[in-house]
Structures are given as C-alpha cells and as structure tokens.
C-alpha cells in the first residue's frame, strides 16, 4: 500500500514540476505586478495558461494529500 502511494506521489511531483516549468513567466517589476493583477481581475487569462494554472493547482493539492497520507502511514 505504501509503495503504491509513493509511486503516485512521485507521479504528482513530476507533474507539478512540469506544469510549473511550462507556464509563461510573469513580467518583473512594479508594472508587471500591476498588469498581472489587472489581467487576473478582469479575466484575460485564457487558453493554455488557464489550463496549466488549473493543472498546477490540481497537482499541488494531490501532492499535499499524498504527502499527508504517506506521513500518517509511515508514522
């Protein structure tokens, strides 16, 4: 059981790394922070960036869940 969860945990960690690396970079500096906030507020985030953002959130949540489950099982 622990081995199966470890394998799933590794898959989620690799997926999280890949989705974070595939996302486009945000603009640096104060103007980038203002523009990024405006784009998020007004909903101009579409297409591949939106998909990668959702996948990153999903992989992060599943990574945390498997981390907690592994910690409880190994304890």
PDB file of N, CA and C in Angstrom:
ATOM      1  N   UNK A   1       0.826  -1.200   0.000  1.00  0.00           N
ATOM      2  CA  UNK A   1       0.000   0.000   0.000  1.00  0.00           C
ATOM      3  C   UNK A   1       0.868   1.261   0.000  1.00  0.00           C
ATOM      4  N   UNK A   2       1.881   1.262   0.860  1.00  0.00           N
ATOM      5  CA  UNK A   2       2.763   2.421   0.944  1.00  0.00           C
ATOM      6  C   UNK A   2       3.534   2.600  -0.362  1.00  0.00           C
ATOM      7  N   UNK A   3       3.951   1.500  -0.964  1.00  0.00           N
ATOM      8  CA  UNK A   3       4.694   1.581  -2.223  1.00  0.00           C
ATOM      9  C   UNK A   3       3.830   2.186  -3.332  1.00  0.00           C
ATOM     10  N   UNK A   4       2.573   1.810  -3.398  1.00  0.00           N
ATOM     11  CA  UNK A   4       1.674   2.353  -4.419  1.00  0.00           C
ATOM     12  C   UNK A   4       1.477   3.861  -4.211  1.00  0.00           C
ATOM     13  N   UNK A   5       1.331   4.279  -2.975  1.00  0.00           N
ATOM     14  CA  UNK A   5       1.149   5.706  -2.703  1.00  0.00           C
ATOM     15  C   UNK A   5       2.424   6.473  -3.004  1.00  0.00           C
ATOM     16  N   UNK A   6       3.575   5.863  -2.744  1.00  0.00           N
ATOM     17  CA  UNK A   6       4.851   6.518  -3.087  1.00  0.00           C
ATOM     18  C   UNK A   6       4.976   6.714  -4.598  1.00  0.00           C
ATOM     19  N   UNK A   7       4.573   5.724  -5.370  1.00  0.00           N
ATOM     20  CA  UNK A   7       4.631   5.841  -6.839  1.00  0.00           C
ATOM     21  C   UNK A   7       3.696   6.952  -7.316  1.00  0.00           C
ATOM     22  N   UNK A   8       2.488   6.993  -6.772  1.00  0.00           N
ATOM     23  CA  UNK A   8       1.539   8.054  -7.122  1.00  0.00           C
ATOM     24  C   UNK A   8       2.085   9.417  -6.710  1.00  0.00           C
ATOM     25  N   UNK A   9       2.740   9.473  -5.552  1.00  0.00           N
ATOM     26  CA  UNK A   9       3.329  10.711  -5.052  1.00  0.00           C
ATOM     27  C   UNK A   9       4.412  11.220  -6.008  1.00  0.00           C
ATOM     28  N   UNK A  10       5.241  10.315  -6.507  1.00  0.00           N
ATOM     29  CA  UNK A  10       6.290  10.698  -7.460  1.00  0.00           C
ATOM     30  C   UNK A  10       5.673  11.198  -8.762  1.00  0.00           C
ATOM     31  N   UNK A  11       4.610  10.554  -9.213  1.00  0.00           N
ATOM     32  CA  UNK A  11       3.941  10.994 -10.445  1.00  0.00           C
ATOM     33  C   UNK A  11       3.379  12.404 -10.275  1.00  0.00           C
ATOM     34  N   UNK A  12       2.739  12.666  -9.123  1.00  0.00           N
ATOM     35  CA  UNK A  12       2.207  14.010  -8.873  1.00  0.00           C
ATOM     36  C   UNK A  12       3.321  15.044  -8.748  1.00  0.00           C
ATOM     37  N   UNK A  13       4.446  14.669  -8.150  1.00  0.00           N
ATOM     38  CA  UNK A  13       5.534  15.633  -8.010  1.00  0.00           C
ATOM     39  C   UNK A  13       6.151  15.979  -9.366  1.00  0.00           C
ATOM     40  N   UNK A  14       6.320  14.981 -10.227  1.00  0.00           N
ATOM     41  CA  UNK A  14       6.849  15.245 -11.567  1.00  0.00           C
ATOM     42  C   UNK A  14       5.850  16.081 -12.370  1.00  0.00           C
ATOM     43  N   UNK A  15       4.561  15.768 -12.250  1.00  0.00           N
ATOM     44  CA  UNK A  15       3.544  16.556 -12.943  1.00  0.00           C
ATOM     45  C   UNK A  15       3.526  18.003 -12.469  1.00  0.00           C
ATOM     46  N   UNK A  16       3.702  18.209 -11.164  1.00  0.00           N
ATOM     47  CA  UNK A  16       3.746  19.566 -10.622  1.00  0.00           C
ATOM     48  C   UNK A  16       4.946  20.330 -11.155  1.00  0.00           C
ATOM     49  N   UNK A  17       6.094  19.696 -11.198  1.00  0.00           N
ATOM     50  CA  UNK A  17       7.300  20.341 -11.717  1.00  0.00           C
ATOM     51  C   UNK A  17       7.131  20.707 -13.181  1.00  0.00           C
ATOM     52  N   UNK A  18       6.600  19.790 -13.972  1.00  0.00           N
ATOM     53  CA  UNK A  18       6.441  20.027 -15.410  1.00  0.00           C
ATOM     54  C   UNK A  18       5.450  21.165 -15.677  1.00  0.00           C
ATOM     55  N   UNK A  19       4.320  21.164 -14.973  1.00  0.00           N
ATOM     56  CA  UNK A  19       3.331  22.218 -15.232  1.00  0.00           C
ATOM     57  C   UNK A  19       3.828  23.582 -14.791  1.00  0.00           C
ATOM     58  N   UNK A  20       4.605  23.640 -13.721  1.00  0.00           N
ATOM     59  CA  UNK A  20       5.166  24.930 -13.303  1.00  0.00           C
ATOM     60  C   UNK A  20       6.181  25.421 -14.324  1.00  0.00           C
ATOM     61  N   UNK A  21       7.004  24.521 -14.841  1.00  0.00           N
ATOM     62  CA  UNK A  21       8.017  24.934 -15.813  1.00  0.00           C
ATOM     63  C   UNK A  21       7.415  25.317 -17.168  1.00  0.00           C
ATOM     64  N   UNK A  22       6.269  24.771 -17.518  1.00  0.00           N
ATOM     65  CA  UNK A  22       5.647  25.094 -18.803  1.00  0.00           C
ATOM     66  C   UNK A  22       4.888  26.424 -18.797  1.00  0.00           C
ATOM     67  N   UNK A  23       4.588  26.951 -17.618  1.00  0.00           N
ATOM     68  CA  UNK A  23       3.837  28.201 -17.560  1.00  0.00           C
ATOM     69  C   UNK A  23       4.696  29.363 -18.037  1.00  0.00           C
ATOM     70  N   UNK A  24       4.044  30.338 -18.660  1.00  0.00           N
ATOM     71  CA  UNK A  24       4.773  31.502 -19.129  1.00  0.00           C
ATOM     72  C   UNK A  24       5.137  32.386 -17.954  1.00  0.00           C
ATOM     73  N   UNK A  25       6.278  33.049 -18.059  1.00  0.00           N
ATOM     74  CA  UNK A  25       6.749  33.907 -16.980  1.00  0.00           C
ATOM     75  C   UNK A  25       5.941  35.187 -16.895  1.00  0.00           C
ATOM     76  N   UNK A  26       5.851  35.705 -15.703  1.00  0.00           N
ATOM     77  CA  UNK A  26       5.149  36.964 -15.493  1.00  0.00           C
ATOM     78  C   UNK A  26       6.152  38.108 -15.625  1.00  0.00           C
ATOM     79  N   UNK A  27       5.675  39.302 -15.932  1.00  0.00           N
ATOM     80  CA  UNK A  27       6.547  40.457 -16.052  1.00  0.00           C
ATOM     81  C   UNK A  27       7.133  40.807 -14.697  1.00  0.00           C
ATOM     82  N   UNK A  28       8.365  41.235 -14.712  1.00  0.00           N
ATOM     83  CA  UNK A  28       9.034  41.586 -13.456  1.00  0.00           C
ATOM     84  C   UNK A  28       8.822  43.065 -13.147  1.00  0.00           C
ATOM     85  N   UNK A  29       8.974  43.418 -11.906  1.00  0.00           N
ATOM     86  CA  UNK A  29       8.875  44.808 -11.500  1.00  0.00           C
ATOM     87  C   UNK A  29       7.474  45.228 -11.118  1.00  0.00           C
ATOM     88  N   UNK A  30       7.344  46.510 -10.778  1.00  0.00           N
ATOM     89  CA  UNK A  30       6.067  47.035 -10.311  1.00  0.00           C
ATOM     90  C   UNK A  30       5.021  47.049 -11.423  1.00  0.00           C
ATOM     91  N   UNK A  31       5.416  47.398 -12.624  1.00  0.00           N
ATOM     92  CA  UNK A  31       4.441  47.438 -13.717  1.00  0.00           C
ATOM     93  C   UNK A  31       3.918  46.043 -14.026  1.00  0.00           C
ATOM     94  N   UNK A  32       4.758  45.034 -13.909  1.00  0.00           N
ATOM     95  CA  UNK A  32       4.307  43.662 -14.124  1.00  0.00           C
ATOM     96  C   UNK A  32       3.336  43.211 -13.051  1.00  0.00           C
ATOM     97  N   UNK A  33       3.570  43.660 -11.819  1.00  0.00           N
ATOM     98  CA  UNK A  33       2.661  43.287 -10.727  1.00  0.00           C
ATOM     99  C   UNK A  33       1.298  43.922 -10.924  1.00  0.00           C
ATOM    100  N   UNK A  34       1.275  45.164 -11.374  1.00  0.00           N
ATOM    101  CA  UNK A  34       0.001  45.856 -11.601  1.00  0.00           C
ATOM    102  C   UNK A  34      -0.725  45.241 -12.800  1.00  0.00           C
ATOM    103  N   UNK A  35       0.002  44.994 -13.866  1.00  0.00           N
ATOM    104  CA  UNK A  35      -0.620  44.421 -15.064  1.00  0.00           C
ATOM    105  C   UNK A  35      -1.098  43.002 -14.786  1.00  0.00           C
ATOM    106  N   UNK A  36      -0.313  42.218 -14.052  1.00  0.00           N
ATOM    107  CA  UNK A  36      -0.721  40.852 -13.728  1.00  0.00           C
ATOM    108  C   UNK A  36      -1.968  40.832 -12.879  1.00  0.00           C
ATOM    109  N   UNK A  37      -2.068  41.755 -11.925  1.00  0.00           N
ATOM    110  CA  UNK A  37      -3.265  41.836 -11.094  1.00  0.00           C
ATOM    111  C   UNK A  37      -4.472  42.248 -11.899  1.00  0.00           C
ATOM    112  N   UNK A  38      -4.281  43.158 -12.834  1.00  0.00           N
ATOM    113  CA  UNK A  38      -5.394  43.609 -13.670  1.00  0.00           C
ATOM    114  C   UNK A  38      -5.878  42.489 -14.588  1.00  0.00           C
ATOM    115  N   UNK A  39      -4.923  41.728 -15.144  1.00  0.00           N
ATOM    116  CA  UNK A  39      -5.323  40.621 -16.019  1.00  0.00           C
ATOM    117  C   UNK A  39      -6.089  39.556 -15.250  1.00  0.00           C
ATOM    118  N   UNK A  40      -5.658  39.279 -14.041  1.00  0.00           N
ATOM    119  CA  UNK A  40      -6.360  38.288 -13.234  1.00  0.00           C
ATOM    120  C   UNK A  40      -7.737  38.796 -12.842  1.00  0.00           C
ATOM    121  N   UNK A  41      -7.828  40.078 -12.491  1.00  0.00           N
ATOM    122  CA  UNK A  41      -9.091  40.657 -12.055  1.00  0.00           C
ATOM    123  C   UNK A  41     -10.102  40.707 -13.193  1.00  0.00           C
ATOM    124  N   UNK A  42      -9.649  41.097 -14.362  1.00  0.00           N
ATOM    125  CA  UNK A  42     -10.565  41.250 -15.489  1.00  0.00           C
ATOM    126  C   UNK A  42     -10.734  39.971 -16.303  1.00  0.00           C
ATOM    127  N   UNK A  43     -10.044  38.915 -15.953  1.00  0.00           N
ATOM    128  CA  UNK A  43     -10.262  37.620 -16.589  1.00  0.00           C
ATOM    129  C   UNK A  43      -9.708  37.491 -17.981  1.00  0.00           C
ATOM    130  N   UNK A  44      -8.530  38.043 -18.257  1.00  0.00           N
ATOM    131  CA  UNK A  44      -7.948  37.928 -19.585  1.00  0.00           C
ATOM    132  C   UNK A  44      -7.061  36.693 -19.717  1.00  0.00           C
ATOM    133  N   UNK A  45      -7.099  35.831 -18.747  1.00  0.00           N
ATOM    134  CA  UNK A  45      -6.271  34.641 -18.744  1.00  0.00           C
ATOM    135  C   UNK A  45      -7.036  33.514 -19.441  1.00  0.00           C
ATOM    136  N   UNK A  46      -6.620  33.150 -20.647  1.00  0.00           N
ATOM    137  CA  UNK A  46      -7.349  32.146 -21.409  1.00  0.00           C
ATOM    138  C   UNK A  46      -6.372  31.176 -22.050  1.00  0.00           C
ATOM    139  N   UNK A  47      -6.910  30.105 -22.537  1.00  0.00           N
ATOM    140  CA  UNK A  47      -6.127  29.169 -23.327  1.00  0.00           C
ATOM    141  C   UNK A  47      -5.219  28.288 -22.501  1.00  0.00           C
ATOM    142  N   UNK A  48      -4.012  28.124 -23.001  1.00  0.00           N
ATOM    143  CA  UNK A  48      -3.047  27.221 -22.400  1.00  0.00           C
ATOM    144  C   UNK A  48      -2.641  27.658 -20.997  1.00  0.00           C
ATOM    145  N   UNK A  49      -2.491  28.970 -20.774  1.00  0.00           N
ATOM    146  CA  UNK A  49      -2.129  29.453 -19.439  1.00  0.00           C
ATOM    147  C   UNK A  49      -3.184  29.089 -18.408  1.00  0.00           C
ATOM    148  N   UNK A  50      -4.428  29.182 -18.787  1.00  0.00           N
ATOM    149  CA  UNK A  50      -5.509  28.827 -17.869  1.00  0.00           C
ATOM    150  C   UNK A  50      -5.490  27.331 -17.564  1.00  0.00           C
ATOM    151  N   UNK A  51      -5.285  26.527 -18.578  1.00  0.00           N
ATOM    152  CA  UNK A  51      -5.225  25.083 -18.393  1.00  0.00           C
ATOM    153  C   UNK A  51      -4.049  24.701 -17.502  1.00  0.00           C
ATOM    154  N   UNK A  52      -2.885  25.293 -17.760  1.00  0.00           N
ATOM    155  CA  UNK A  52      -1.712  24.980 -16.948  1.00  0.00           C
ATOM    156  C   UNK A  52      -1.893  25.433 -15.509  1.00  0.00           C
ATOM    157  N   UNK A  53      -2.576  26.542 -15.311  1.00  0.00           N
ATOM    158  CA  UNK A  53      -2.840  27.020 -13.952  1.00  0.00           C
ATOM    159  C   UNK A  53      -3.731  26.047 -13.192  1.00  0.00           C
ATOM    160  N   UNK A  54      -4.760  25.548 -13.855  1.00  0.00           N
ATOM    161  CA  UNK A  54      -5.657  24.578 -13.214  1.00  0.00           C
ATOM    162  C   UNK A  54      -4.939  23.260 -12.937  1.00  0.00           C
ATOM    163  N   UNK A  55      -4.113  22.817 -13.888  1.00  0.00           N
ATOM    164  CA  UNK A  55      -3.363  21.580 -13.683  1.00  0.00           C
ATOM    165  C   UNK A  55      -2.366  21.721 -12.540  1.00  0.00           C
ATOM    166  N   UNK A  56      -1.726  22.885 -12.443  1.00  0.00           N
ATOM    167  CA  UNK A  56      -0.784  23.123 -11.354  1.00  0.00           C
ATOM    168  C   UNK A  56      -1.491  23.058 -10.011  1.00  0.00           C
ATOM    169  N   UNK A  57      -2.660  23.669  -9.928  1.00  0.00           N
ATOM    170  CA  UNK A  57      -3.429  23.622  -8.681  1.00  0.00           C
ATOM    171  C   UNK A  57      -3.815  22.188  -8.327  1.00  0.00           C
ATOM    172  N   UNK A  58      -4.251  21.431  -9.324  1.00  0.00           N
ATOM    173  CA  UNK A  58      -4.646  20.052  -9.085  1.00  0.00           C
ATOM    174  C   UNK A  58      -3.464  19.205  -8.621  1.00  0.00           C
ATOM    175  N   UNK A  59      -2.327  19.336  -9.304  1.00  0.00           N
ATOM    176  CA  UNK A  59      -1.147  18.579  -8.913  1.00  0.00           C
ATOM    177  C   UNK A  59      -0.660  18.985  -7.526  1.00  0.00           C
ATOM    178  N   UNK A  60      -0.724  20.269  -7.195  1.00  0.00           N
ATOM    179  CA  UNK A  60      -0.288  20.725  -5.875  1.00  0.00           C
ATOM    180  C   UNK A  60      -1.172  20.162  -4.768  1.00  0.00           C
ATOM    181  N   UNK A  61      -2.476  20.178  -4.977  1.00  0.00           N
ATOM    182  CA  UNK A  61      -3.397  19.644  -3.974  1.00  0.00           C
ATOM    183  C   UNK A  61      -3.177  18.149  -3.789  1.00  0.00           C
ATOM    184  N   UNK A  62      -3.054  17.411  -4.885  1.00  0.00           N
ATOM    185  CA  UNK A  62      -2.852  15.973  -4.785  1.00  0.00           C
ATOM    186  C   UNK A  62      -1.482  15.636  -4.182  1.00  0.00           C
ATOM    187  N   UNK A  63      -0.475  16.461  -4.450  1.00  0.00           N
ATOM    188  CA  UNK A  63       0.844  16.267  -3.852  1.00  0.00           C
ATOM    189  C   UNK A  63       0.770  16.433  -2.337  1.00  0.00           C
ATOM    190  N   UNK A  64       0.053  17.450  -1.877  1.00  0.00           N
ATOM    191  CA  UNK A  64      -0.093  17.675  -0.433  1.00  0.00           C
ATOM    192  C   UNK A  64      -0.874  16.530   0.212  1.00  0.00           C
ATOM    193  N   UNK A  65      -1.932  16.086  -0.451  1.00  0.00           N
ATOM    194  CA  UNK A  65      -2.739  14.992   0.097  1.00  0.00           C
ATOM    195  C   UNK A  65      -1.902  13.714   0.218  1.00  0.00           C
ATOM    196  N   UNK A  66      -1.161  13.377  -0.834  1.00  0.00           N
ATOM    197  CA  UNK A  66      -0.346  12.160  -0.758  1.00  0.00           C
ATOM    198  C   UNK A  66       0.786  12.310   0.259  1.00  0.00           C
ATOM    199  N   UNK A  67       1.302  13.521   0.438  1.00  0.00           N
ATOM    200  CA  UNK A  67       2.327  13.750   1.458  1.00  0.00           C
ATOM    201  C   UNK A  67       1.787  13.476   2.855  1.00  0.00           C
ATOM    202  N   UNK A  68       0.587  13.963   3.134  1.00  0.00           N
ATOM    203  CA  UNK A  68      -0.031  13.754   4.446  1.00  0.00           C
ATOM    204  C   UNK A  68      -0.340  12.277   4.654  1.00  0.00           C
ATOM    205  N   UNK A  69      -0.875  11.628   3.627  1.00  0.00           N
ATOM    206  CA  UNK A  69      -1.210  10.201   3.741  1.00  0.00           C
ATOM    207  C   UNK A  69       0.064   9.381   3.990  1.00  0.00           C
ATOM    208  N   UNK A  70       1.143   9.683   3.280  1.00  0.00           N
ATOM    209  CA  UNK A  70       2.391   8.963   3.497  1.00  0.00           C
ATOM    210  C   UNK A  70       2.935   9.215   4.896  1.00  0.00           C
ATOM    211  N   UNK A  71       2.836  10.440   5.373  1.00  0.00           N
ATOM    212  CA  UNK A  71       3.318  10.749   6.716  1.00  0.00           C
ATOM    213  C   UNK A  71       2.522   9.976   7.770  1.00  0.00           C
ATOM    214  N   UNK A  72       1.229   9.862   7.568  1.00  0.00           N
ATOM    215  CA  UNK A  72       0.402   9.125   8.530  1.00  0.00           C
ATOM    216  C   UNK A  72       0.653   7.617   8.458  1.00  0.00           C
ATOM    217  N   UNK A  73       0.857   7.087   7.257  1.00  0.00           N
ATOM    218  CA  UNK A  73       1.089   5.650   7.124  1.00  0.00           C
ATOM    219  C   UNK A  73       2.455   5.222   7.632  1.00  0.00           C
ATOM    220  N   UNK A  74       3.464   6.031   7.414  1.00  0.00           N
ATOM    221  CA  UNK A  74       4.811   5.678   7.840  1.00  0.00           C
ATOM    222  C   UNK A  74       4.971   5.879   9.345  1.00  0.00           C
ATOM    223  N   UNK A  75       4.212   6.784   9.897  1.00  0.00           N
ATOM    224  CA  UNK A  75       4.271   7.058  11.334  1.00  0.00           C
ATOM    225  C   UNK A  75       3.875   5.820  12.077  1.00  0.00           C
TER     226      UNK A  75
END
